[in-house]
Amino acid sequence: MSSVNITFLEDEVWAVESPVDVVEGESVTFACTYWDTPSSPSAKAYRRNLTVTTTVFPTNSPTASGSVVTLSPATGLVGGGRYVIAVTATVDSDTRVRKIMLKCAKDEAEQ
């Protein structure tokens, strides 16, 4: 399993590191750093504008510690597509949604 560090900025919807390249079959954990202390995190996954949260996050229980939200491992990623991970948390007493774009390559694909 790999871990990817993500940075969310107060005035930007998309993560600084987006898009993130992944390969189908991988299990990836995202550690999302906020500009302040987040609480009550949740995550949803979308592919082709359809919700695929239960496939991508079979154990969907993000945790917050300090300024970092750690998502459950993303699995079940299908190559040849793009995913949007929407991370919601309360920051500065406001509900904030930030996004991560994943580009998922097929395992047999060439560069």
PDB file of N, CA and C in Angstrom:
ATOM      1  N   MET A   1       0.848  -1.172   0.000  1.00  0.00           N
ATOM      2  CA  MET A   1       0.000   0.000   0.000  1.00  0.00           C
ATOM      3  C   MET A   1       0.892   1.233   0.000  1.00  0.00           C
ATOM      4  N   SER A   2       0.518   2.196  -0.806  1.00  0.00           N
ATOM      5  CA  SER A   2       1.293   3.437  -0.839  1.00  0.00           C
ATOM      6  C   SER A   2       0.528   4.547  -0.126  1.00  0.00           C
ATOM      7  N   SER A   3       1.273   5.556   0.294  1.00  0.00           N
ATOM      8  CA  SER A   3       0.689   6.704   0.961  1.00  0.00           C
ATOM      9  C   SER A   3       1.052   7.954   0.168  1.00  0.00           C
ATOM     10  N   VAL A   4       0.075   8.830  -0.022  1.00  0.00           N
ATOM     11  CA  VAL A   4       0.288  10.055  -0.784  1.00  0.00           C
ATOM     12  C   VAL A   4      -0.084  11.240   0.102  1.00  0.00           C
ATOM     13  N   ASN A   5       0.837  12.188   0.203  1.00  0.00           N
ATOM     14  CA  ASN A   5       0.578  13.411   0.965  1.00  0.00           C
ATOM     15  C   ASN A   5      -0.101  14.432   0.062  1.00  0.00           C
ATOM     16  N   ILE A   6      -1.188  14.991   0.559  1.00  0.00           N
ATOM     17  CA  ILE A   6      -2.005  15.946  -0.182  1.00  0.00           C
ATOM     18  C   ILE A   6      -2.074  17.239   0.623  1.00  0.00           C
ATOM     19  N   THR A   7      -2.087  18.377  -0.079  1.00  0.00           N
ATOM     20  CA  THR A   7      -2.193  19.671   0.572  1.00  0.00           C
ATOM     21  C   THR A   7      -3.463  20.378   0.098  1.00  0.00           C
ATOM     22  N   PHE A   8      -4.302  20.753   1.052  1.00  0.00           N
ATOM     23  CA  PHE A   8      -5.487  21.556   0.758  1.00  0.00           C
ATOM     24  C   PHE A   8      -5.235  22.982   1.216  1.00  0.00           C
ATOM     25  N   LEU A   9      -5.532  23.942   0.336  1.00  0.00           N
ATOM     26  CA  LEU A   9      -5.390  25.357   0.667  1.00  0.00           C
ATOM     27  C   LEU A   9      -6.758  25.955   0.964  1.00  0.00           C
ATOM     28  N   GLU A  10      -6.789  26.989   1.764  1.00  0.00           N
ATOM     29  CA  GLU A  10      -8.051  27.613   2.161  1.00  0.00           C
ATOM     30  C   GLU A  10      -8.829  28.161   0.970  1.00  0.00           C
ATOM     31  N   ASP A  11      -8.140  28.739   0.005  1.00  0.00           N
ATOM     32  CA  ASP A  11      -8.820  29.409  -1.104  1.00  0.00           C
ATOM     33  C   ASP A  11      -8.821  28.620  -2.413  1.00  0.00           C
ATOM     34  N   GLU A  12      -8.519  27.332  -2.366  1.00  0.00           N
ATOM     35  CA  GLU A  12      -8.516  26.484  -3.567  1.00  0.00           C
ATOM     36  C   GLU A  12      -9.356  25.232  -3.311  1.00  0.00           C
ATOM     37  N   VAL A  13     -10.187  24.856  -4.271  1.00  0.00           N
ATOM     38  CA  VAL A  13     -11.017  23.659  -4.146  1.00  0.00           C
ATOM     39  C   VAL A  13     -10.190  22.400  -4.384  1.00  0.00           C
ATOM     40  N   TRP A  14      -9.325  22.425  -5.392  1.00  0.00           N
ATOM     41  CA  TRP A  14      -8.544  21.244  -5.764  1.00  0.00           C
ATOM     42  C   TRP A  14      -7.242  21.171  -4.983  1.00  0.00           C
ATOM     43  N   ALA A  15      -6.845  19.972  -4.620  1.00  0.00           N
ATOM     44  CA  ALA A  15      -5.584  19.746  -3.926  1.00  0.00           C
ATOM     45  C   ALA A  15      -4.422  20.249  -4.770  1.00  0.00           C
ATOM     46  N   VAL A  16      -3.408  20.756  -4.111  1.00  0.00           N
ATOM     47  CA  VAL A  16      -2.226  21.269  -4.798  1.00  0.00           C
ATOM     48  C   VAL A  16      -1.628  20.193  -5.710  1.00  0.00           C
ATOM     49  N   GLU A  17      -1.631  18.938  -5.282  1.00  0.00           N
ATOM     50  CA  GLU A  17      -0.991  17.843  -6.008  1.00  0.00           C
ATOM     51  C   GLU A  17      -1.859  17.239  -7.113  1.00  0.00           C
ATOM     52  N   SER A  18      -3.091  17.695  -7.280  1.00  0.00           N
ATOM     53  CA  SER A  18      -3.990  17.128  -8.296  1.00  0.00           C
ATOM     54  C   SER A  18      -3.531  17.504  -9.698  1.00  0.00           C
ATOM     55  N   PRO A  19      -3.648  16.563 -10.642  1.00  0.00           N
ATOM     56  CA  PRO A  19      -4.116  15.192 -10.485  1.00  0.00           C
ATOM     57  C   PRO A  19      -3.009  14.272  -9.957  1.00  0.00           C
ATOM     58  N   VAL A  20      -3.437  13.199  -9.286  1.00  0.00           N
ATOM     59  CA  VAL A  20      -2.525  12.191  -8.754  1.00  0.00           C
ATOM     60  C   VAL A  20      -2.617  10.965  -9.654  1.00  0.00           C
ATOM     61  N   ASP A  21      -1.457  10.477 -10.125  1.00  0.00           N
ATOM     62  CA  ASP A  21      -1.425   9.289 -10.967  1.00  0.00           C
ATOM     63  C   ASP A  21      -1.391   8.036 -10.101  1.00  0.00           C
ATOM     64  N   VAL A  22      -2.313   7.105 -10.375  1.00  0.00           N
ATOM     65  CA  VAL A  22      -2.356   5.817  -9.686  1.00  0.00           C
ATOM     66  C   VAL A  22      -2.524   4.726 -10.740  1.00  0.00           C
ATOM     67  N   VAL A  23      -2.311   3.481 -10.325  1.00  0.00           N
ATOM     68  CA  VAL A  23      -2.451   2.337 -11.233  1.00  0.00           C
ATOM     69  C   VAL A  23      -3.524   1.416 -10.661  1.00  0.00           C
ATOM     70  N   GLU A  24      -4.368   0.878 -11.554  1.00  0.00           N
ATOM     71  CA  GLU A  24      -5.424  -0.012 -11.079  1.00  0.00           C
ATOM     72  C   GLU A  24      -4.825  -1.153 -10.264  1.00  0.00           C
ATOM     73  N   GLY A  25      -5.559  -1.567  -9.252  1.00  0.00           N
ATOM     74  CA  GLY A  25      -5.085  -2.627  -8.384  1.00  0.00           C
ATOM     75  C   GLY A  25      -4.301  -2.131  -7.186  1.00  0.00           C
ATOM     76  N   GLU A  26      -3.869  -0.869  -7.215  1.00  0.00           N
ATOM     77  CA  GLU A  26      -3.149  -0.300  -6.079  1.00  0.00           C
ATOM     78  C   GLU A  26      -4.102  -0.016  -4.922  1.00  0.00           C
ATOM     79  N   SER A  27      -3.534   0.038  -3.748  1.00  0.00           N
ATOM     80  CA  SER A  27      -4.237   0.512  -2.566  1.00  0.00           C
ATOM     81  C   SER A  27      -3.498   1.758  -2.109  1.00  0.00           C
ATOM     82  N   VAL A  28      -4.200   2.892  -2.080  1.00  0.00           N
ATOM     83  CA  VAL A  28      -3.559   4.174  -1.796  1.00  0.00           C
ATOM     84  C   VAL A  28      -4.243   4.854  -0.613  1.00  0.00           C
ATOM     85  N   THR A  29      -3.432   5.327   0.321  1.00  0.00           N
ATOM     86  CA  THR A  29      -3.950   6.089   1.453  1.00  0.00           C
ATOM     87  C   THR A  29      -3.521   7.542   1.281  1.00  0.00           C
ATOM     88  N   PHE A  30      -4.473   8.457   1.455  1.00  0.00           N
ATOM     89  CA  PHE A  30      -4.189   9.876   1.312  1.00  0.00           C
ATOM     90  C   PHE A  30      -4.154  10.545   2.683  1.00  0.00           C
ATOM     91  N   ALA A  31      -3.064  11.271   2.941  1.00  0.00           N
ATOM     92  CA  ALA A  31      -2.915  12.083   4.148  1.00  0.00           C
ATOM     93  C   ALA A  31      -3.074  13.535   3.715  1.00  0.00           C
ATOM     94  N   CYS A  32      -4.200  14.145   4.068  1.00  0.00           N
ATOM     95  CA  CYS A  32      -4.571  15.471   3.575  1.00  0.00           C
ATOM     96  C   CYS A  32      -4.290  16.530   4.645  1.00  0.00           C
ATOM     97  N   THR A  33      -3.363  17.439   4.344  1.00  0.00           N
ATOM     98  CA  THR A  33      -2.998  18.497   5.283  1.00  0.00           C
ATOM     99  C   THR A  33      -3.805  19.758   4.986  1.00  0.00           C
ATOM    100  N   TYR A  34      -4.438  20.287   6.014  1.00  0.00           N
ATOM    101  CA  TYR A  34      -5.259  21.500   5.920  1.00  0.00           C
ATOM    102  C   TYR A  34      -4.508  22.707   6.456  1.00  0.00           C
ATOM    103  N   TRP A  35      -5.041  23.888   6.205  1.00  0.00           N
ATOM    104  CA  TRP A  35      -4.461  25.142   6.655  1.00  0.00           C
ATOM    105  C   TRP A  35      -4.760  25.400   8.138  1.00  0.00           C
ATOM    106  N   ASP A  36      -5.701  24.662   8.712  1.00  0.00           N
ATOM    107  CA  ASP A  36      -6.053  24.786  10.119  1.00  0.00           C
ATOM    108  C   ASP A  36      -6.485  23.399  10.594  1.00  0.00           C
ATOM    109  N   THR A  37      -7.116  23.297  11.733  1.00  0.00           N
ATOM    110  CA  THR A  37      -7.469  22.001  12.317  1.00  0.00           C
ATOM    111  C   THR A  37      -8.834  21.531  11.826  1.00  0.00           C
ATOM    112  N   PRO A  38      -8.892  20.443  11.056  1.00  0.00           N
ATOM    113  CA  PRO A  38     -10.173  19.912  10.571  1.00  0.00           C
ATOM    114  C   PRO A  38     -10.796  18.957  11.594  1.00  0.00           C
ATOM    115  N   SER A  39     -12.115  18.826  11.533  1.00  0.00           N
ATOM    116  CA  SER A  39     -12.825  17.852  12.357  1.00  0.00           C
ATOM    117  C   SER A  39     -13.967  17.254  11.535  1.00  0.00           C
ATOM    118  N   SER A  40     -14.523  16.168  12.016  1.00  0.00           N
ATOM    119  CA  SER A  40     -15.650  15.483  11.375  1.00  0.00           C
ATOM    120  C   SER A  40     -15.420  15.206   9.889  1.00  0.00           C
ATOM    121  N   PRO A  41     -14.305  14.565   9.524  1.00  0.00           N
ATOM    122  CA  PRO A  41     -14.033  14.333   8.111  1.00  0.00           C
ATOM    123  C   PRO A  41     -14.905  13.219   7.513  1.00  0.00           C
ATOM    124  N   SER A  42     -15.163  13.353   6.224  1.00  0.00           N
ATOM    125  CA  SER A  42     -15.842  12.303   5.456  1.00  0.00           C
ATOM    126  C   SER A  42     -15.291  12.348   4.041  1.00  0.00           C
ATOM    127  N   ALA A  43     -15.492  11.254   3.304  1.00  0.00           N
ATOM    128  CA  ALA A  43     -14.970  11.190   1.930  1.00  0.00           C
ATOM    129  C   ALA A  43     -15.979  10.495   1.019  1.00  0.00           C
ATOM    130  N   LYS A  44     -16.057  10.982  -0.220  1.00  0.00           N
ATOM    131  CA  LYS A  44     -16.878  10.364  -1.254  1.00  0.00           C
ATOM    132  C   LYS A  44     -16.022  10.224  -2.500  1.00  0.00           C
ATOM    133  N   ALA A  45     -16.303   9.197  -3.288  1.00  0.00           N
ATOM    134  CA  ALA A  45     -15.568   8.976  -4.537  1.00  0.00           C
ATOM    135  C   ALA A  45     -16.555   8.965  -5.705  1.00  0.00           C
ATOM    136  N   TYR A  46     -16.127   9.579  -6.810  1.00  0.00           N
ATOM    137  CA  TYR A  46     -16.958   9.656  -8.009  1.00  0.00           C
ATOM    138  C   TYR A  46     -16.154   9.224  -9.226  1.00  0.00           C
ATOM    139  N   ARG A  47     -16.811   8.547 -10.137  1.00  0.00           N
ATOM    140  CA  ARG A  47     -16.221   8.202 -11.437  1.00  0.00           C
ATOM    141  C   ARG A  47     -17.308   8.388 -12.480  1.00  0.00           C
ATOM    142  N   ARG A  48     -17.007   9.165 -13.510  1.00  0.00           N
ATOM    143  CA  ARG A  48     -17.978   9.484 -14.560  1.00  0.00           C
ATOM    144  C   ARG A  48     -19.267  10.034 -13.963  1.00  0.00           C
ATOM    145  N   ASN A  49     -19.122  10.914 -12.980  1.00  0.00           N
ATOM    146  CA  ASN A  49     -20.234  11.578 -12.306  1.00  0.00           C
ATOM    147  C   ASN A  49     -21.162  10.637 -11.545  1.00  0.00           C
ATOM    148  N   LEU A  50     -20.716   9.420 -11.287  1.00  0.00           N
ATOM    149  CA  LEU A  50     -21.477   8.472 -10.492  1.00  0.00           C
ATOM    150  C   LEU A  50     -20.758   8.223  -9.175  1.00  0.00           C
ATOM    151  N   THR A  51     -21.510   8.047  -8.114  1.00  0.00           N
ATOM    152  CA  THR A  51     -20.915   7.753  -6.808  1.00  0.00           C
ATOM    153  C   THR A  51     -20.410   6.322  -6.785  1.00  0.00           C
ATOM    154  N   VAL A  52     -19.115   6.162  -6.458  1.00  0.00           N
ATOM    155  CA  VAL A  52     -18.493   4.832  -6.345  1.00  0.00           C
ATOM    156  C   VAL A  52     -17.792   4.699  -4.988  1.00  0.00           C
ATOM    157  N   THR A  53     -18.314   5.397  -4.005  1.00  0.00           N
ATOM    158  CA  THR A  53     -17.681   5.455  -2.694  1.00  0.00           C
ATOM    159  C   THR A  53     -17.511   4.067  -2.066  1.00  0.00           C
ATOM    160  N   THR A  54     -18.542   3.234  -2.113  1.00  0.00           N
ATOM    161  CA  THR A  54     -18.454   1.930  -1.448  1.00  0.00           C
ATOM    162  C   THR A  54     -17.454   1.009  -2.136  1.00  0.00           C
ATOM    163  N   THR A  55     -17.189   1.212  -3.417  1.00  0.00           N
ATOM    164  CA  THR A  55     -16.188   0.421  -4.142  1.00  0.00           C
ATOM    165  C   THR A  55     -14.783   0.919  -3.838  1.00  0.00           C
ATOM    166  N   VAL A  56     -14.591   2.225  -3.857  1.00  0.00           N
ATOM    167  CA  VAL A  56     -13.269   2.820  -3.668  1.00  0.00           C
ATOM    168  C   VAL A  56     -12.857   2.819  -2.195  1.00  0.00           C
ATOM    169  N   PHE A  57     -13.806   3.087  -1.322  1.00  0.00           N
ATOM    170  CA  PHE A  57     -13.537   3.117   0.120  1.00  0.00           C
ATOM    171  C   PHE A  57     -14.411   2.086   0.837  1.00  0.00           C
ATOM    172  N   PRO A  58     -14.097   0.784   0.710  1.00  0.00           N
ATOM    173  CA  PRO A  58     -14.934  -0.221   1.376  1.00  0.00           C
ATOM    174  C   PRO A  58     -15.006  -0.022   2.892  1.00  0.00           C
ATOM    175  N   THR A  59     -13.923   0.459   3.473  1.00  0.00           N
ATOM    176  CA  THR A  59     -13.918   0.844   4.889  1.00  0.00           C
ATOM    177  C   THR A  59     -13.753   2.350   4.903  1.00  0.00           C
ATOM    178  N   ASN A  60     -14.855   3.067   4.940  1.00  0.00           N
ATOM    179  CA  ASN A  60     -14.809   4.526   4.800  1.00  0.00           C
ATOM    180  C   ASN A  60     -14.877   5.174   6.178  1.00  0.00           C
ATOM    181  N   SER A  61     -13.701   5.330   6.801  1.00  0.00           N
ATOM    182  CA  SER A  61     -13.661   5.950   8.133  1.00  0.00           C
ATOM    183  C   SER A  61     -12.444   6.869   8.255  1.00  0.00           C
ATOM    184  N   PRO A  62     -12.499   8.047   7.590  1.00  0.00           N
ATOM    185  CA  PRO A  62     -11.384   8.993   7.688  1.00  0.00           C
ATOM    186  C   PRO A  62     -11.196   9.473   9.125  1.00  0.00           C
ATOM    187  N   THR A  63      -9.950   9.806   9.455  1.00  0.00           N
ATOM    188  CA  THR A  63      -9.639  10.289  10.798  1.00  0.00           C
ATOM    189  C   THR A  63      -8.921  11.636  10.715  1.00  0.00           C
ATOM    190  N   ALA A  64      -9.109  12.446  11.757  1.00  0.00           N
ATOM    191  CA  ALA A  64      -8.441  13.746  11.836  1.00  0.00           C
ATOM    192  C   ALA A  64      -7.517  13.754  13.039  1.00  0.00           C
ATOM    193  N   SER A  65      -6.295  14.271  12.825  1.00  0.00           N
ATOM    194  CA  SER A  65      -5.334  14.435  13.899  1.00  0.00           C
ATOM    195  C   SER A  65      -4.506  15.677  13.606  1.00  0.00           C
ATOM    196  N   GLY A  66      -4.609  16.668  14.466  1.00  0.00           N
ATOM    197  CA  GLY A  66      -3.909  17.929  14.193  1.00  0.00           C
ATOM    198  C   GLY A  66      -4.482  18.569  12.943  1.00  0.00           C
ATOM    199  N   SER A  67      -3.621  18.881  11.990  1.00  0.00           N
ATOM    200  CA  SER A  67      -4.085  19.505  10.743  1.00  0.00           C
ATOM    201  C   SER A  67      -4.220  18.499   9.600  1.00  0.00           C
ATOM    202  N   VAL A  68      -4.165  17.194   9.916  1.00  0.00           N
ATOM    203  CA  VAL A  68      -4.167  16.162   8.877  1.00  0.00           C
ATOM    204  C   VAL A  68      -5.402  15.262   8.977  1.00  0.00           C
ATOM    205  N   VAL A  69      -6.042  15.059   7.822  1.00  0.00           N
ATOM    206  CA  VAL A  69      -7.104  14.061   7.690  1.00  0.00           C
ATOM    207  C   VAL A  69      -6.519  12.905   6.897  1.00  0.00           C
ATOM    208  N   THR A  70      -6.592  11.707   7.464  1.00  0.00           N
ATOM    209  CA  THR A  70      -6.122  10.511   6.770  1.00  0.00           C
ATOM    210  C   THR A  70      -7.337   9.726   6.298  1.00  0.00           C
ATOM    211  N   LEU A  71      -7.396   9.500   4.990  1.00  0.00           N
ATOM    212  CA  LEU A  71      -8.515   8.761   4.416  1.00  0.00           C
ATOM    213  C   LEU A  71      -8.266   7.267   4.542  1.00  0.00           C
ATOM    214  N   SER A  72      -9.326   6.491   4.530  1.00  0.00           N
ATOM    215  CA  SER A  72      -9.206   5.038   4.471  1.00  0.00           C
ATOM    216  C   SER A  72      -8.546   4.687   3.143  1.00  0.00           C
ATOM    217  N   PRO A  73      -7.915   3.509   3.042  1.00  0.00           N
ATOM    218  CA  PRO A  73      -7.269   3.134   1.783  1.00  0.00           C
ATOM    219  C   PRO A  73      -8.262   3.117   0.621  1.00  0.00           C
ATOM    220  N   ALA A  74      -7.845   3.732  -0.484  1.00  0.00           N
ATOM    221  CA  ALA A  74      -8.631   3.699  -1.727  1.00  0.00           C
ATOM    222  C   ALA A  74      -8.249   2.429  -2.478  1.00  0.00           C
ATOM    223  N   THR A  75      -9.230   1.610  -2.774  1.00  0.00           N
ATOM    224  CA  THR A  75      -8.997   0.345  -3.472  1.00  0.00           C
ATOM    225  C   THR A  75     -10.036   0.211  -4.578  1.00  0.00           C
ATOM    226  N   GLY A  76      -9.980  -0.872  -5.317  1.00  0.00           N
ATOM    227  CA  GLY A  76     -10.990  -1.117  -6.346  1.00  0.00           C
ATOM    228  C   GLY A  76     -10.966  -0.114  -7.478  1.00  0.00           C
ATOM    229  N   LEU A  77      -9.825   0.541  -7.684  1.00  0.00           N
ATOM    230  CA  LEU A  77      -9.710   1.535  -8.753  1.00  0.00           C
ATOM    231  C   LEU A  77      -9.601   0.834 -10.103  1.00  0.00           C
ATOM    232  N   VAL A  78     -10.365   1.306 -11.074  1.00  0.00           N
ATOM    233  CA  VAL A  78     -10.405   0.718 -12.406  1.00  0.00           C
ATOM    234  C   VAL A  78      -9.572   1.572 -13.353  1.00  0.00           C
ATOM    235  N   GLY A  79      -8.671   0.940 -14.085  1.00  0.00           N
ATOM    236  CA  GLY A  79      -7.789   1.665 -14.995  1.00  0.00           C
ATOM    237  C   GLY A  79      -8.530   2.273 -16.171  1.00  0.00           C
ATOM    238  N   GLY A  80      -7.939   3.315 -16.708  1.00  0.00           N
ATOM    239  CA  GLY A  80      -8.505   3.985 -17.873  1.00  0.00           C
ATOM    240  C   GLY A  80      -9.513   5.053 -17.523  1.00  0.00           C
ATOM    241  N   GLY A  81      -9.576   5.420 -16.279  1.00  0.00           N
ATOM    242  CA  GLY A  81     -10.561   6.416 -15.874  1.00  0.00           C
ATOM    243  C   GLY A  81     -10.009   7.438 -14.918  1.00  0.00           C
ATOM    244  N   ARG A  82     -10.830   8.413 -14.654  1.00  0.00           N
ATOM    245  CA  ARG A  82     -10.501   9.451 -13.681  1.00  0.00           C
ATOM    246  C   ARG A  82     -11.493   9.357 -12.532  1.00  0.00           C
ATOM    247  N   TYR A  83     -11.007   9.648 -11.358  1.00  0.00           N
ATOM    248  CA  TYR A  83     -11.833   9.661 -10.165  1.00  0.00           C
ATOM    249  C   TYR A  83     -11.722  11.024  -9.513  1.00  0.00           C
ATOM    250  N   VAL A  84     -12.793  11.440  -8.855  1.00  0.00           N
ATOM    251  CA  VAL A  84     -12.763  12.629  -8.013  1.00  0.00           C
ATOM    252  C   VAL A  84     -13.058  12.162  -6.592  1.00  0.00           C
ATOM    253  N   ILE A  85     -12.150  12.500  -5.684  1.00  0.00           N
ATOM    254  CA  ILE A  85     -12.346  12.218  -4.273  1.00  0.00           C
ATOM    255  C   ILE A  85     -12.718  13.546  -3.615  1.00  0.00           C
ATOM    256  N   ALA A  86     -13.916  13.607  -3.043  1.00  0.00           N
ATOM    257  CA  ALA A  86     -14.386  14.806  -2.353  1.00  0.00           C
ATOM    258  C   ALA A  86     -14.240  14.575  -0.855  1.00  0.00           C
ATOM    259  N   VAL A  87     -13.430  15.409  -0.214  1.00  0.00           N
ATOM    260  CA  VAL A  87     -13.178  15.299   1.220  1.00  0.00           C
ATOM    261  C   VAL A  87     -13.872  16.469   1.910  1.00  0.00           C
ATOM    262  N   THR A  88     -14.759  16.145   2.832  1.00  0.00           N
ATOM    263  CA  THR A  88     -15.503  17.166   3.573  1.00  0.00           C
ATOM    264  C   THR A  88     -15.025  17.162   5.020  1.00  0.00           C
ATOM    265  N   ALA A  89     -14.806  18.354   5.564  1.00  0.00           N
ATOM    266  CA  ALA A  89     -14.409  18.490   6.970  1.00  0.00           C
ATOM    267  C   ALA A  89     -14.851  19.863   7.465  1.00  0.00           C
ATOM    268  N   THR A  90     -14.999  19.977   8.760  1.00  0.00           N
ATOM    269  CA  THR A  90     -15.284  21.272   9.375  1.00  0.00           C
ATOM    270  C   THR A  90     -13.946  21.926   9.712  1.00  0.00           C
ATOM    271  N   VAL A  91     -13.729  23.126   9.149  1.00  0.00           N
ATOM    272  CA  VAL A  91     -12.497  23.877   9.381  1.00  0.00           C
ATOM    273  C   VAL A  91     -12.902  25.324   9.645  1.00  0.00           C
ATOM    274  N   ASP A  92     -12.356  25.907  10.688  1.00  0.00           N
ATOM    275  CA  ASP A  92     -12.699  27.295  11.044  1.00  0.00           C
ATOM    276  C   ASP A  92     -14.211  27.466  11.209  1.00  0.00           C
ATOM    277  N   SER A  93     -14.879  26.479  11.780  1.00  0.00           N
ATOM    278  CA  SER A  93     -16.333  26.484  12.029  1.00  0.00           C
ATOM    279  C   SER A  93     -17.176  26.441  10.759  1.00  0.00           C
ATOM    280  N   ASP A  94     -16.563  26.182   9.604  1.00  0.00           N
ATOM    281  CA  ASP A  94     -17.286  26.082   8.341  1.00  0.00           C
ATOM    282  C   ASP A  94     -17.099  24.695   7.740  1.00  0.00           C
ATOM    283  N   THR A  95     -18.114  24.201   7.066  1.00  0.00           N
ATOM    284  CA  THR A  95     -17.982  22.944   6.333  1.00  0.00           C
ATOM    285  C   THR A  95     -17.264  23.234   5.030  1.00  0.00           C
ATOM    286  N   ARG A  96     -16.154  22.541   4.807  1.00  0.00           N
ATOM    287  CA  ARG A  96     -15.334  22.755   3.609  1.00  0.00           C
ATOM    288  C   ARG A  96     -15.230  21.457   2.826  1.00  0.00           C
ATOM    289  N   VAL A  97     -15.407  21.543   1.511  1.00  0.00           N
ATOM    290  CA  VAL A  97     -15.230  20.393   0.624  1.00  0.00           C
ATOM    291  C   VAL A  97     -14.024  20.683  -0.259  1.00  0.00           C
ATOM    292  N   ARG A  98     -13.070  19.770  -0.260  1.00  0.00           N
ATOM    293  CA  ARG A  98     -11.886  19.875  -1.104  1.00  0.00           C
ATOM    294  C   ARG A  98     -11.795  18.621  -1.949  1.00  0.00           C
ATOM    295  N   LYS A  99     -11.176  18.730  -3.119  1.00  0.00           N
ATOM    296  CA  LYS A  99     -11.183  17.627  -4.077  1.00  0.00           C
ATOM    297  C   LYS A  99      -9.780  17.180  -4.471  1.00  0.00           C
ATOM    298  N   ILE A 100      -9.697  15.877  -4.766  1.00  0.00           N
ATOM    299  CA  ILE A 100      -8.478  15.276  -5.302  1.00  0.00           C
ATOM    300  C   ILE A 100      -8.858  14.580  -6.599  1.00  0.00           C
ATOM    301  N   MET A 101      -8.154  14.880  -7.688  1.00  0.00           N
ATOM    302  CA  MET A 101      -8.375  14.191  -8.962  1.00  0.00           C
ATOM    303  C   MET A 101      -7.383  13.048  -9.058  1.00  0.00           C
ATOM    304  N   LEU A 102      -7.883  11.843  -9.364  1.00  0.00           N
ATOM    305  CA  LEU A 102      -7.025  10.677  -9.589  1.00  0.00           C
ATOM    306  C   LEU A 102      -7.096  10.291 -11.059  1.00  0.00           C
ATOM    307  N   LYS A 103      -5.945  10.093 -11.662  1.00  0.00           N
ATOM    308  CA  LYS A 103      -5.869   9.527 -13.013  1.00  0.00           C
ATOM    309  C   LYS A 103      -5.391   8.098 -12.841  1.00  0.00           C
ATOM    310  N   CYS A 104      -6.253   7.137 -13.196  1.00  0.00           N
ATOM    311  CA  CYS A 104      -5.960   5.740 -12.938  1.00  0.00           C
ATOM    312  C   CYS A 104      -5.590   5.025 -14.249  1.00  0.00           C
ATOM    313  N   ALA A 105      -4.339   4.575 -14.334  1.00  0.00           N
ATOM    314  CA  ALA A 105      -3.851   3.881 -15.515  1.00  0.00           C
ATOM    315  C   ALA A 105      -4.119   2.389 -15.388  1.00  0.00           C
ATOM    316  N   LYS A 106      -4.318   1.742 -16.522  1.00  0.00           N
ATOM    317  CA  LYS A 106      -4.429   0.279 -16.518  1.00  0.00           C
ATOM    318  C   LYS A 106      -3.046  -0.292 -16.227  1.00  0.00           C
ATOM    319  N   ASP A 107      -3.022  -1.423 -15.551  1.00  0.00           N
ATOM    320  CA  ASP A 107      -1.711  -1.976 -15.165  1.00  0.00           C
ATOM    321  C   ASP A 107      -0.879  -2.400 -16.355  1.00  0.00           C
ATOM    322  N   GLU A 108      -1.515  -2.730 -17.480  1.00  0.00           N
ATOM    323  CA  GLU A 108      -0.743  -3.138 -18.651  1.00  0.00           C
ATOM    324  C   GLU A 108      -0.432  -1.977 -19.597  1.00  0.00           C
ATOM    325  N   ALA A 109      -0.926  -0.779 -19.271  1.00  0.00           N
ATOM    326  CA  ALA A 109      -0.746   0.369 -20.161  1.00  0.00           C
ATOM    327  C   ALA A 109       0.727   0.805 -20.217  1.00  0.00           C
ATOM    328  N   GLU A 110       1.123   1.258 -21.387  1.00  0.00           N
ATOM    329  CA  GLU A 110       2.469   1.821 -21.562  1.00  0.00           C
ATOM    330  C   GLU A 110       2.390   3.317 -21.430  1.00  0.00           C
ATOM    331  N   GLN A 111       3.534   3.927 -21.218  1.00  0.00           N
ATOM    332  CA  GLN A 111       3.562   5.384 -21.033  1.00  0.00           C
ATOM    333  C   GLN A 111       3.257   6.089 -22.315  1.00  0.00           C
TER     334      GLN A 111
END
